[in-house]
N, C-alpha and C. Protein backbone atom coordinates (compact mmCIF):
# COMPACT_ATOMS: atom_id res chain seq x y z
N MET A 1 2.81 108.43 16.41
CA MET A 1 3.65 107.30 16.12
C MET A 1 2.87 106.03 15.75
N ALA A 2 1.72 105.81 16.44
CA ALA A 2 0.91 104.65 16.10
C ALA A 2 0.32 104.72 14.72
N SER A 3 0.06 105.92 14.23
CA SER A 3 -0.41 106.10 12.89
C SER A 3 0.67 105.71 11.85
N TRP A 4 1.89 106.04 12.14
CA TRP A 4 3.00 105.70 11.27
C TRP A 4 3.16 104.14 11.22
N VAL A 5 3.11 103.53 12.37
CA VAL A 5 3.25 102.07 12.43
C VAL A 5 2.11 101.42 11.64
N ARG A 6 0.88 101.87 11.80
CA ARG A 6 -0.25 101.30 11.17
C ARG A 6 -0.08 101.47 9.63
N SER A 7 0.34 102.59 9.15
CA SER A 7 0.59 102.82 7.77
C SER A 7 1.62 101.93 7.20
N ALA A 8 2.74 101.72 7.99
CA ALA A 8 3.87 100.85 7.54
C ALA A 8 3.37 99.41 7.45
N VAL A 9 2.54 98.93 8.36
CA VAL A 9 2.03 97.55 8.35
C VAL A 9 1.11 97.39 7.18
N MET A 10 0.33 98.41 6.87
CA MET A 10 -0.58 98.35 5.73
C MET A 10 0.16 98.28 4.43
N VAL A 11 1.18 99.08 4.30
CA VAL A 11 1.99 99.05 3.04
C VAL A 11 2.65 97.72 2.87
N LEU A 12 3.21 97.15 3.96
CA LEU A 12 3.81 95.82 3.92
C LEU A 12 2.87 94.74 3.57
N ALA A 13 1.66 94.82 4.09
CA ALA A 13 0.59 93.83 3.78
C ALA A 13 0.24 93.95 2.27
N MET A 14 0.16 95.15 1.77
CA MET A 14 -0.25 95.28 0.31
C MET A 14 0.88 94.74 -0.58
N VAL A 15 2.05 94.84 -0.16
CA VAL A 15 3.24 94.40 -0.97
C VAL A 15 3.46 92.88 -0.87
N LEU A 16 3.35 92.36 0.38
CA LEU A 16 3.71 90.97 0.60
C LEU A 16 2.56 90.03 0.34
N LEU A 17 1.34 90.35 0.60
CA LEU A 17 0.20 89.46 0.45
C LEU A 17 0.04 88.86 -1.01
N PRO A 18 0.16 89.75 -2.00
CA PRO A 18 0.07 89.11 -3.37
C PRO A 18 1.13 88.08 -3.60
N MET A 19 2.31 88.23 -3.03
CA MET A 19 3.36 87.23 -3.23
C MET A 19 3.10 85.92 -2.47
N MET A 20 2.21 86.03 -1.51
CA MET A 20 1.90 84.78 -0.72
C MET A 20 0.72 84.02 -1.32
N VAL A 21 0.08 84.56 -2.37
CA VAL A 21 -0.98 83.80 -3.04
C VAL A 21 -0.34 82.62 -3.76
N GLU A 22 -0.87 81.48 -3.46
CA GLU A 22 -0.32 80.21 -3.98
C GLU A 22 -0.84 79.79 -5.32
N SER A 23 -0.03 79.58 -6.30
CA SER A 23 -0.50 79.03 -7.55
C SER A 23 -0.38 77.53 -7.59
N ASN A 24 -1.21 76.79 -8.28
CA ASN A 24 -1.23 75.41 -8.29
C ASN A 24 -0.70 74.85 -9.61
N VAL A 25 -0.25 73.60 -9.61
CA VAL A 25 0.12 72.90 -10.83
C VAL A 25 -1.06 71.92 -11.06
N ARG A 26 -1.69 72.03 -12.19
CA ARG A 26 -2.80 71.18 -12.48
C ARG A 26 -2.30 70.11 -13.51
N HIS A 27 -2.49 68.80 -13.15
CA HIS A 27 -2.04 67.70 -13.97
C HIS A 27 -3.22 67.04 -14.65
N TYR A 28 -3.13 66.88 -15.95
CA TYR A 28 -4.15 66.07 -16.68
C TYR A 28 -3.42 65.02 -17.54
N LYS A 29 -4.09 63.89 -17.68
CA LYS A 29 -3.62 62.80 -18.60
C LYS A 29 -4.72 62.45 -19.51
N PHE A 30 -4.53 62.49 -20.81
CA PHE A 30 -5.56 62.17 -21.83
C PHE A 30 -5.04 61.12 -22.74
N THR A 31 -5.92 60.34 -23.21
CA THR A 31 -5.65 59.31 -24.28
C THR A 31 -6.49 59.55 -25.47
N VAL A 32 -5.89 59.73 -26.66
CA VAL A 32 -6.56 59.95 -27.89
C VAL A 32 -6.83 58.62 -28.55
N VAL A 33 -8.15 58.31 -28.75
CA VAL A 33 -8.52 57.03 -29.31
C VAL A 33 -9.65 57.24 -30.33
N MET A 34 -9.82 56.22 -31.13
CA MET A 34 -10.99 56.19 -32.06
C MET A 34 -12.21 55.63 -31.37
N LYS A 35 -13.37 56.16 -31.59
CA LYS A 35 -14.60 55.65 -31.02
C LYS A 35 -15.74 55.85 -32.07
N ASN A 36 -16.53 54.83 -32.18
CA ASN A 36 -17.74 54.92 -33.04
C ASN A 36 -18.86 55.75 -32.45
N PHE A 37 -19.37 56.71 -33.24
CA PHE A 37 -20.47 57.52 -32.80
C PHE A 37 -21.56 57.37 -33.84
N THR A 38 -22.81 57.37 -33.41
CA THR A 38 -23.98 57.35 -34.31
C THR A 38 -24.75 58.66 -34.24
N ARG A 39 -24.82 59.34 -35.34
CA ARG A 39 -25.62 60.61 -35.40
C ARG A 39 -26.42 60.47 -36.69
N LEU A 40 -27.69 60.77 -36.51
CA LEU A 40 -28.66 60.74 -37.59
C LEU A 40 -28.63 59.44 -38.39
N CYS A 41 -28.64 58.33 -37.61
CA CYS A 41 -28.66 56.97 -38.15
C CYS A 41 -27.46 56.59 -38.91
N GLU A 42 -26.31 57.31 -38.76
CA GLU A 42 -25.10 56.98 -39.47
C GLU A 42 -24.05 56.83 -38.47
N SER A 43 -23.33 55.67 -38.46
CA SER A 43 -22.20 55.41 -37.53
C SER A 43 -20.92 55.83 -38.22
N LYS A 44 -20.06 56.42 -37.44
CA LYS A 44 -18.76 56.89 -37.97
C LYS A 44 -17.66 56.84 -36.88
N ALA A 45 -16.49 56.45 -37.24
CA ALA A 45 -15.38 56.45 -36.29
C ALA A 45 -14.84 57.89 -36.19
N MET A 46 -14.62 58.33 -34.95
CA MET A 46 -14.15 59.67 -34.75
C MET A 46 -13.00 59.65 -33.76
N VAL A 47 -12.08 60.65 -33.90
CA VAL A 47 -10.99 60.78 -32.97
C VAL A 47 -11.59 61.45 -31.71
N THR A 48 -11.34 60.85 -30.52
CA THR A 48 -11.87 61.36 -29.31
C THR A 48 -10.75 61.44 -28.27
N ILE A 49 -10.99 62.22 -27.24
CA ILE A 49 -10.06 62.27 -26.10
C ILE A 49 -10.77 61.53 -24.95
N ASP A 50 -10.19 60.43 -24.50
CA ASP A 50 -10.80 59.57 -23.45
C ASP A 50 -12.22 59.20 -23.83
N GLY A 51 -12.45 58.98 -25.13
CA GLY A 51 -13.81 58.56 -25.56
C GLY A 51 -14.79 59.64 -25.64
N LYS A 52 -14.45 60.90 -25.43
CA LYS A 52 -15.37 62.00 -25.41
C LYS A 52 -15.19 62.93 -26.60
N PHE A 53 -16.23 63.43 -27.10
CA PHE A 53 -16.23 64.43 -28.20
C PHE A 53 -17.38 65.37 -27.95
N PRO A 54 -17.14 66.65 -27.72
CA PRO A 54 -15.79 67.30 -27.68
C PRO A 54 -15.06 66.79 -26.45
N GLY A 55 -13.78 67.12 -26.39
CA GLY A 55 -12.93 66.64 -25.31
C GLY A 55 -13.31 67.24 -23.89
N PRO A 56 -12.69 66.79 -22.87
CA PRO A 56 -12.93 67.17 -21.53
C PRO A 56 -12.51 68.64 -21.32
N THR A 57 -13.04 69.22 -20.30
CA THR A 57 -12.75 70.59 -19.85
C THR A 57 -11.60 70.58 -18.88
N LEU A 58 -10.67 71.44 -19.06
CA LEU A 58 -9.60 71.66 -18.12
C LEU A 58 -9.92 72.84 -17.27
N TYR A 59 -9.58 72.68 -15.95
CA TYR A 59 -9.93 73.82 -15.04
C TYR A 59 -8.60 74.32 -14.39
N ALA A 60 -8.46 75.64 -14.45
CA ALA A 60 -7.28 76.23 -13.87
C ALA A 60 -7.59 77.68 -13.52
N ARG A 61 -6.83 78.27 -12.59
CA ARG A 61 -7.01 79.67 -12.21
C ARG A 61 -5.83 80.45 -12.74
N GLU A 62 -6.01 81.74 -12.77
CA GLU A 62 -4.90 82.60 -13.20
C GLU A 62 -3.58 82.29 -12.39
N ASP A 63 -2.51 82.22 -13.00
CA ASP A 63 -1.17 81.90 -12.50
C ASP A 63 -0.97 80.44 -12.19
N ASP A 64 -1.94 79.52 -12.47
CA ASP A 64 -1.72 78.17 -12.32
C ASP A 64 -0.90 77.70 -13.49
N SER A 65 -0.15 76.58 -13.32
CA SER A 65 0.49 75.92 -14.42
C SER A 65 -0.32 74.68 -14.69
N VAL A 66 -0.40 74.41 -16.00
CA VAL A 66 -1.16 73.18 -16.46
C VAL A 66 -0.18 72.27 -17.20
N VAL A 67 -0.15 71.04 -16.69
CA VAL A 67 0.67 70.01 -17.35
C VAL A 67 -0.27 68.94 -17.93
N VAL A 68 -0.11 68.79 -19.27
CA VAL A 68 -0.97 67.80 -19.92
C VAL A 68 -0.16 66.72 -20.59
N GLN A 69 -0.41 65.47 -20.12
CA GLN A 69 0.26 64.32 -20.73
C GLN A 69 -0.77 63.71 -21.69
N LEU A 70 -0.33 63.62 -22.95
CA LEU A 70 -1.23 63.15 -23.99
C LEU A 70 -0.64 61.88 -24.67
N VAL A 71 -1.48 60.79 -24.68
CA VAL A 71 -1.02 59.53 -25.27
C VAL A 71 -1.89 59.31 -26.57
N ASN A 72 -1.16 59.30 -27.63
CA ASN A 72 -1.82 59.16 -28.94
C ASN A 72 -1.94 57.69 -29.36
N LYS A 73 -3.12 57.11 -29.39
CA LYS A 73 -3.40 55.77 -29.74
C LYS A 73 -4.02 55.60 -31.16
N VAL A 74 -4.00 56.70 -31.94
CA VAL A 74 -4.56 56.67 -33.31
C VAL A 74 -3.34 56.56 -34.26
N PRO A 75 -3.54 56.04 -35.44
CA PRO A 75 -2.44 55.79 -36.36
C PRO A 75 -1.88 57.02 -37.07
N TYR A 76 -2.30 58.23 -36.69
CA TYR A 76 -1.79 59.39 -37.40
C TYR A 76 -1.62 60.53 -36.41
N ASN A 77 -0.90 61.58 -36.85
CA ASN A 77 -0.68 62.70 -35.99
C ASN A 77 -1.95 63.52 -35.78
N ILE A 78 -1.96 64.19 -34.60
CA ILE A 78 -3.16 65.02 -34.23
C ILE A 78 -2.70 66.34 -33.75
N THR A 79 -3.65 67.31 -33.72
CA THR A 79 -3.41 68.65 -33.17
C THR A 79 -4.48 68.87 -32.17
N ILE A 80 -4.16 69.41 -31.00
CA ILE A 80 -5.12 69.75 -29.95
C ILE A 80 -5.21 71.27 -29.98
N HIS A 81 -6.48 71.77 -29.96
CA HIS A 81 -6.71 73.21 -29.99
C HIS A 81 -7.28 73.58 -28.58
N TRP A 82 -6.70 74.55 -27.97
CA TRP A 82 -7.07 75.00 -26.66
C TRP A 82 -7.95 76.28 -26.78
N TYR A 83 -9.08 76.36 -26.06
CA TYR A 83 -9.90 77.56 -26.11
C TYR A 83 -10.06 78.07 -24.70
N ASP A 84 -9.92 79.32 -24.51
CA ASP A 84 -10.05 80.00 -23.24
C ASP A 84 -11.53 80.46 -23.06
N SER A 85 -12.13 80.10 -21.94
CA SER A 85 -13.48 80.60 -21.67
C SER A 85 -13.50 81.14 -20.25
N LEU A 86 -14.20 82.20 -20.10
CA LEU A 86 -14.27 82.89 -18.77
C LEU A 86 -15.68 82.70 -18.22
N TYR A 87 -15.85 81.71 -17.41
CA TYR A 87 -17.15 81.44 -16.83
C TYR A 87 -17.19 82.11 -15.48
């Protein structure tokens, strides 16, 4: 009988524990602005995110939700490209 109870507890643990893993909601706020950069003795205005080029890294784990608030302060439309990297 103890073996049956142990097996039942193990099966319940295998079924219920994955449901108890908590996913997070990651919030990011970015501002798209123009910033002057100098490369090879030539200055040029570039579209940046929070003054950075390339833009900042977003961190999230599997099953997390990511909410990005983007404020566009440049005079034209932009497109953001997301790349997945597995580090």
